[in-house]
């Protein structure tokens, strides 16, 4: 399966919504694993004596995180995962959508934004990879990676994102040249 991306621009921002397309066999295996972990957790909790519950509070909470929270978060990501990115000439904003829960939106300012492509693998005879966003320090001009896409996208989608980013920067440059306040 190939992940999909909806890429749009309004001339000021580039909007990218990437959706994960996990393998159906992997989804079934992950579902069975999660059901097994929940079953084990419930069985374990039912075997505890009421007097032991107080002593076992910390291990029980840690087990809940290890057996329930982390695997189910991964399950929701593989079934409903979306990565939302908004790029403009000043900032990059991103958040992940797990279907029922979204991460907090993170806005990262940048200076002289650049992108690089990282090839990761071939899926369905298409090159897939990640887009890395780089900002240059205004004082030292040293590059610093500020973000990389989470979901693997086809090279064509990544090239389209780069093309739209270039057009947004070109539009801003044209608007600055056309307006002059005396």
C-alpha atoms as a PDB file:
ATOM      1  CA  UNK A   1       0.000   0.000   0.000  1.00  0.00           C
ATOM      2  CA  UNK A   2       1.105   3.532  -0.667  1.00  0.00           C
ATOM      3  CA  UNK A   3       0.377   6.326   1.774  1.00  0.00           C
ATOM      4  CA  UNK A   4      -1.646   9.199   0.363  1.00  0.00           C
ATOM      5  CA  UNK A   5      -1.277  12.948   0.599  1.00  0.00           C
ATOM      6  CA  UNK A   6      -3.651  15.805  -0.044  1.00  0.00           C
ATOM      7  CA  UNK A   7      -1.562  18.850  -0.960  1.00  0.00           C
ATOM      8  CA  UNK A   8      -3.069  22.306  -1.415  1.00  0.00           C
ATOM      9  CA  UNK A   9      -1.994  25.915  -1.398  1.00  0.00           C
ATOM     10  CA  UNK A  10      -3.815  29.206  -1.107  1.00  0.00           C
ATOM     11  CA  UNK A  11      -0.782  31.200  -2.221  1.00  0.00           C
ATOM     12  CA  UNK A  12       0.155  32.049   1.378  1.00  0.00           C
ATOM     13  CA  UNK A  13       0.286  28.603   2.995  1.00  0.00           C
ATOM     14  CA  UNK A  14       0.909  25.056   1.808  1.00  0.00           C
ATOM     15  CA  UNK A  15      -1.405  22.522   3.441  1.00  0.00           C
ATOM     16  CA  UNK A  16      -0.382  18.864   3.552  1.00  0.00           C
ATOM     17  CA  UNK A  17      -2.557  16.093   4.969  1.00  0.00           C
ATOM     18  CA  UNK A  18      -0.754  12.766   4.732  1.00  0.00           C
ATOM     19  CA  UNK A  19      -2.689   9.596   5.543  1.00  0.00           C
ATOM     20  CA  UNK A  20      -1.097   6.301   6.451  1.00  0.00           C
ATOM     21  CA  UNK A  21      -2.151   3.206   4.493  1.00  0.00           C
ATOM     22  CA  UNK A  22      -1.012   0.246   6.581  1.00  0.00           C
ATOM     23  CA  UNK A  23      -0.937  -3.292   5.222  1.00  0.00           C
ATOM     24  CA  UNK A  24      -4.213  -5.151   6.010  1.00  0.00           C
ATOM     25  CA  UNK A  25      -2.309  -8.198   7.291  1.00  0.00           C
ATOM     26  CA  UNK A  26      -0.380  -5.939   9.660  1.00  0.00           C
ATOM     27  CA  UNK A  27      -3.633  -4.374  10.868  1.00  0.00           C
ATOM     28  CA  UNK A  28      -5.105  -7.788  11.665  1.00  0.00           C
ATOM     29  CA  UNK A  29      -1.922  -8.923  13.450  1.00  0.00           C
ATOM     30  CA  UNK A  30      -1.789  -5.705  15.472  1.00  0.00           C
ATOM     31  CA  UNK A  31      -5.464  -6.052  16.415  1.00  0.00           C
ATOM     32  CA  UNK A  32      -4.947  -9.635  17.604  1.00  0.00           C
ATOM     33  CA  UNK A  33      -1.870  -8.620  19.585  1.00  0.00           C
ATOM     34  CA  UNK A  34      -3.758  -5.772  21.265  1.00  0.00           C
ATOM     35  CA  UNK A  35      -6.707  -8.003  22.135  1.00  0.00           C
ATOM     36  CA  UNK A  36      -4.265 -10.511  23.636  1.00  0.00           C
ATOM     37  CA  UNK A  37      -2.561  -7.808  25.704  1.00  0.00           C
ATOM     38  CA  UNK A  38      -5.882  -6.477  27.017  1.00  0.00           C
ATOM     39  CA  UNK A  39      -6.973 -10.014  27.877  1.00  0.00           C
ATOM     40  CA  UNK A  40      -3.698 -10.657  29.720  1.00  0.00           C
ATOM     41  CA  UNK A  41      -3.976  -7.342  31.601  1.00  0.00           C
ATOM     42  CA  UNK A  42      -7.559  -8.095  32.692  1.00  0.00           C
ATOM     43  CA  UNK A  43      -6.571 -11.627  33.752  1.00  0.00           C
ATOM     44  CA  UNK A  44      -3.591 -10.287  35.705  1.00  0.00           C
ATOM     45  CA  UNK A  45      -5.730  -7.660  37.449  1.00  0.00           C
ATOM     46  CA  UNK A  46      -8.335 -10.283  38.372  1.00  0.00           C
ATOM     47  CA  UNK A  47      -5.699 -12.512  40.023  1.00  0.00           C
ATOM     48  CA  UNK A  48      -4.581  -9.769  42.429  1.00  0.00           C
ATOM     49  CA  UNK A  49      -5.848 -10.003  45.984  1.00  0.00           C
ATOM     50  CA  UNK A  50      -7.453  -6.786  47.270  1.00  0.00           C
ATOM     51  CA  UNK A  51      -4.716  -6.463  49.910  1.00  0.00           C
ATOM     52  CA  UNK A  52      -2.009  -6.664  47.197  1.00  0.00           C
ATOM     53  CA  UNK A  53      -3.615  -4.006  45.000  1.00  0.00           C
ATOM     54  CA  UNK A  54      -2.214  -1.120  47.061  1.00  0.00           C
ATOM     55  CA  UNK A  55       1.326  -2.511  46.937  1.00  0.00           C
ATOM     56  CA  UNK A  56       1.028  -3.177  43.213  1.00  0.00           C
ATOM     57  CA  UNK A  57      -0.284   0.296  42.254  1.00  0.00           C
ATOM     58  CA  UNK A  58       2.885   1.506  40.518  1.00  0.00           C
ATOM     59  CA  UNK A  59       3.553  -1.752  38.623  1.00  0.00           C
ATOM     60  CA  UNK A  60      -0.129  -1.907  37.594  1.00  0.00           C
ATOM     61  CA  UNK A  61      -0.009   1.659  36.220  1.00  0.00           C
ATOM     62  CA  UNK A  62       3.248   0.920  34.370  1.00  0.00           C
ATOM     63  CA  UNK A  63       1.760  -2.269  32.961  1.00  0.00           C
ATOM     64  CA  UNK A  64      -1.280  -0.307  31.810  1.00  0.00           C
ATOM     65  CA  UNK A  65       1.009   2.040  29.875  1.00  0.00           C
ATOM     66  CA  UNK A  66       3.060  -0.784  28.419  1.00  0.00           C
ATOM     67  CA  UNK A  67       0.197  -3.179  27.643  1.00  0.00           C
ATOM     68  CA  UNK A  68      -2.670  -0.841  26.815  1.00  0.00           C
ATOM     69  CA  UNK A  69      -1.711   2.749  26.025  1.00  0.00           C
ATOM     70  CA  UNK A  70       1.324   2.280  23.764  1.00  0.00           C
ATOM     71  CA  UNK A  71       0.049  -0.624  21.619  1.00  0.00           C
ATOM     72  CA  UNK A  72      -3.408   0.934  21.172  1.00  0.00           C
ATOM     73  CA  UNK A  73      -1.909   4.288  20.240  1.00  0.00           C
ATOM     74  CA  UNK A  74       0.080   2.478  17.551  1.00  0.00           C
ATOM     75  CA  UNK A  75      -3.117   0.643  16.494  1.00  0.00           C
ATOM     76  CA  UNK A  76      -5.051   3.911  16.097  1.00  0.00           C
ATOM     77  CA  UNK A  77      -2.132   5.399  14.124  1.00  0.00           C
ATOM     78  CA  UNK A  78      -2.096   2.463  11.689  1.00  0.00           C
ATOM     79  CA  UNK A  79      -5.867   2.555  11.205  1.00  0.00           C
ATOM     80  CA  UNK A  80      -6.607   6.302  11.253  1.00  0.00           C
ATOM     81  CA  UNK A  81      -3.230   8.096  11.289  1.00  0.00           C
ATOM     82  CA  UNK A  82      -2.916  11.452   9.548  1.00  0.00           C
ATOM     83  CA  UNK A  83      -0.139  14.008   9.620  1.00  0.00           C
ATOM     84  CA  UNK A  84      -1.159  17.642   9.087  1.00  0.00           C
ATOM     85  CA  UNK A  85       1.478  20.188   8.086  1.00  0.00           C
ATOM     86  CA  UNK A  86       1.058  23.867   7.213  1.00  0.00           C
ATOM     87  CA  UNK A  87       4.056  25.689   5.763  1.00  0.00           C
ATOM     88  CA  UNK A  88       4.453  29.390   5.013  1.00  0.00           C
ATOM     89  CA  UNK A  89       7.320  31.831   4.687  1.00  0.00           C
ATOM     90  CA  UNK A  90       7.598  32.317   8.446  1.00  0.00           C
ATOM     91  CA  UNK A  91       6.521  29.109  10.205  1.00  0.00           C
ATOM     92  CA  UNK A  92       5.887  25.395   9.913  1.00  0.00           C
ATOM     93  CA  UNK A  93       2.960  24.008  11.925  1.00  0.00           C
ATOM     94  CA  UNK A  94       2.256  20.310  12.416  1.00  0.00           C
ATOM     95  CA  UNK A  95       0.132  17.880  14.387  1.00  0.00           C
ATOM     96  CA  UNK A  96      -0.794  14.199  14.164  1.00  0.00           C
ATOM     97  CA  UNK A  97      -4.356  12.887  14.115  1.00  0.00           C
ATOM     98  CA  UNK A  98      -5.020   9.441  15.604  1.00  0.00           C
ATOM     99  CA  UNK A  99      -8.711   9.366  14.679  1.00  0.00           C
ATOM    100  CA  UNK A 100     -10.088  10.048  18.147  1.00  0.00           C
ATOM    101  CA  UNK A 101      -7.168  12.039  19.554  1.00  0.00           C
ATOM    102  CA  UNK A 102      -4.946  14.719  18.052  1.00  0.00           C
ATOM    103  CA  UNK A 103      -1.546  15.763  19.287  1.00  0.00           C
ATOM    104  CA  UNK A 104      -0.999  19.392  20.193  1.00  0.00           C
ATOM    105  CA  UNK A 105      -0.247  21.621  17.248  1.00  0.00           C
ATOM    106  CA  UNK A 106       3.426  22.629  17.162  1.00  0.00           C
ATOM    107  CA  UNK A 107       4.472  25.820  15.369  1.00  0.00           C
ATOM    108  CA  UNK A 108       8.147  26.187  14.498  1.00  0.00           C
ATOM    109  CA  UNK A 109       9.476  29.514  13.188  1.00  0.00           C
ATOM    110  CA  UNK A 110      12.101  29.302  10.466  1.00  0.00           C
ATOM    111  CA  UNK A 111      14.539  31.507   8.602  1.00  0.00           C
ATOM    112  CA  UNK A 112      15.490  30.733   4.998  1.00  0.00           C
ATOM    113  CA  UNK A 113      13.598  27.460   4.810  1.00  0.00           C
ATOM    114  CA  UNK A 114      15.092  24.628   2.777  1.00  0.00           C
ATOM    115  CA  UNK A 115      14.028  21.031   2.195  1.00  0.00           C
ATOM    116  CA  UNK A 116      15.831  17.790   1.501  1.00  0.00           C
ATOM    117  CA  UNK A 117      14.460  14.439   0.385  1.00  0.00           C
ATOM    118  CA  UNK A 118      15.410  11.196   2.117  1.00  0.00           C
ATOM    119  CA  UNK A 119      14.740   8.036   0.105  1.00  0.00           C
ATOM    120  CA  UNK A 120      13.552   5.244   2.430  1.00  0.00           C
ATOM    121  CA  UNK A 121      12.108   2.422   0.320  1.00  0.00           C
ATOM    122  CA  UNK A 122      10.223   1.406  -2.803  1.00  0.00           C
ATOM    123  CA  UNK A 123       6.513   0.654  -2.308  1.00  0.00           C
ATOM    124  CA  UNK A 124       4.375  -0.499  -5.250  1.00  0.00           C
ATOM    125  CA  UNK A 125       7.209   0.400  -7.618  1.00  0.00           C
ATOM    126  CA  UNK A 126       7.258   4.005  -6.350  1.00  0.00           C
ATOM    127  CA  UNK A 127      10.089   5.693  -4.503  1.00  0.00           C
ATOM    128  CA  UNK A 128       8.948   6.712  -1.025  1.00  0.00           C
ATOM    129  CA  UNK A 129      10.678   8.820   1.560  1.00  0.00           C
ATOM    130  CA  UNK A 130      10.577  11.692   3.995  1.00  0.00           C
ATOM    131  CA  UNK A 131      10.849  15.411   3.492  1.00  0.00           C
ATOM    132  CA  UNK A 132      13.227  17.168   5.885  1.00  0.00           C
ATOM    133  CA  UNK A 133      12.733  20.862   6.626  1.00  0.00           C
ATOM    134  CA  UNK A 134      15.826  22.902   7.385  1.00  0.00           C
ATOM    135  CA  UNK A 135      16.099  26.418   8.793  1.00  0.00           C
ATOM    136  CA  UNK A 136      19.260  28.477   8.632  1.00  0.00           C
ATOM    137  CA  UNK A 137      20.306  30.387  11.734  1.00  0.00           C
ATOM    138  CA  UNK A 138      19.985  34.128  10.965  1.00  0.00           C
ATOM    139  CA  UNK A 139      23.255  34.934  12.740  1.00  0.00           C
ATOM    140  CA  UNK A 140      25.514  32.059  11.719  1.00  0.00           C
ATOM    141  CA  UNK A 141      23.816  30.731   8.553  1.00  0.00           C
ATOM    142  CA  UNK A 142      24.276  27.201   9.915  1.00  0.00           C
ATOM    143  CA  UNK A 143      21.563  24.719   8.922  1.00  0.00           C
ATOM    144  CA  UNK A 144      19.337  23.080  11.516  1.00  0.00           C
ATOM    145  CA  UNK A 145      16.702  20.437  10.829  1.00  0.00           C
ATOM    146  CA  UNK A 146      13.439  21.651  12.321  1.00  0.00           C
ATOM    147  CA  UNK A 147      11.044  18.939  11.141  1.00  0.00           C
ATOM    148  CA  UNK A 148      10.722  15.771   9.071  1.00  0.00           C
ATOM    149  CA  UNK A 149       7.574  14.152   7.770  1.00  0.00           C
ATOM    150  CA  UNK A 150       6.457  11.123   9.747  1.00  0.00           C
ATOM    151  CA  UNK A 151       4.516   9.347   7.034  1.00  0.00           C
ATOM    152  CA  UNK A 152       6.423   8.044   4.033  1.00  0.00           C
ATOM    153  CA  UNK A 153       5.241   9.723   0.829  1.00  0.00           C
ATOM    154  CA  UNK A 154       5.950   9.132  -2.827  1.00  0.00           C
ATOM    155  CA  UNK A 155       8.673  11.195  -4.442  1.00  0.00           C
ATOM    156  CA  UNK A 156       5.996  12.793  -6.663  1.00  0.00           C
ATOM    157  CA  UNK A 157       4.037  13.989  -3.603  1.00  0.00           C
ATOM    158  CA  UNK A 158       7.201  15.290  -1.973  1.00  0.00           C
ATOM    159  CA  UNK A 159       8.166  17.110  -5.184  1.00  0.00           C
ATOM    160  CA  UNK A 160       4.685  18.680  -5.330  1.00  0.00           C
ATOM    161  CA  UNK A 161       5.043  19.900  -1.735  1.00  0.00           C
ATOM    162  CA  UNK A 162       8.418  21.449  -2.591  1.00  0.00           C
ATOM    163  CA  UNK A 163       6.945  23.054  -5.716  1.00  0.00           C
ATOM    164  CA  UNK A 164       4.082  24.623  -3.721  1.00  0.00           C
ATOM    165  CA  UNK A 165       6.499  25.870  -1.041  1.00  0.00           C
ATOM    166  CA  UNK A 166       8.596  27.517  -3.761  1.00  0.00           C
ATOM    167  CA  UNK A 167       5.493  29.180  -5.222  1.00  0.00           C
ATOM    168  CA  UNK A 168       4.473  30.517  -1.779  1.00  0.00           C
ATOM    169  CA  UNK A 169       7.933  32.043  -1.314  1.00  0.00           C
ATOM    170  CA  UNK A 170       7.860  33.451  -4.872  1.00  0.00           C
ATOM    171  CA  UNK A 171       4.374  34.959  -4.266  1.00  0.00           C
ATOM    172  CA  UNK A 172       5.549  36.696  -1.101  1.00  0.00           C
ATOM    173  CA  UNK A 173       8.583  38.089  -2.894  1.00  0.00           C
ATOM    174  CA  UNK A 174       6.374  39.431  -5.700  1.00  0.00           C
ATOM    175  CA  UNK A 175       3.941  40.998  -3.214  1.00  0.00           C
ATOM    176  CA  UNK A 176       6.797  42.772  -1.418  1.00  0.00           C
ATOM    177  CA  UNK A 177       8.083  44.183  -4.709  1.00  0.00           C
ATOM    178  CA  UNK A 178       4.644  45.347  -5.871  1.00  0.00           C
ATOM    179  CA  UNK A 179       3.764  47.312  -2.711  1.00  0.00           C
ATOM    180  CA  UNK A 180       5.705  50.368  -1.763  1.00  0.00           C
ATOM    181  CA  UNK A 181       4.769  52.801   1.010  1.00  0.00           C
ATOM    182  CA  UNK A 182       6.376  56.247   0.705  1.00  0.00           C
END
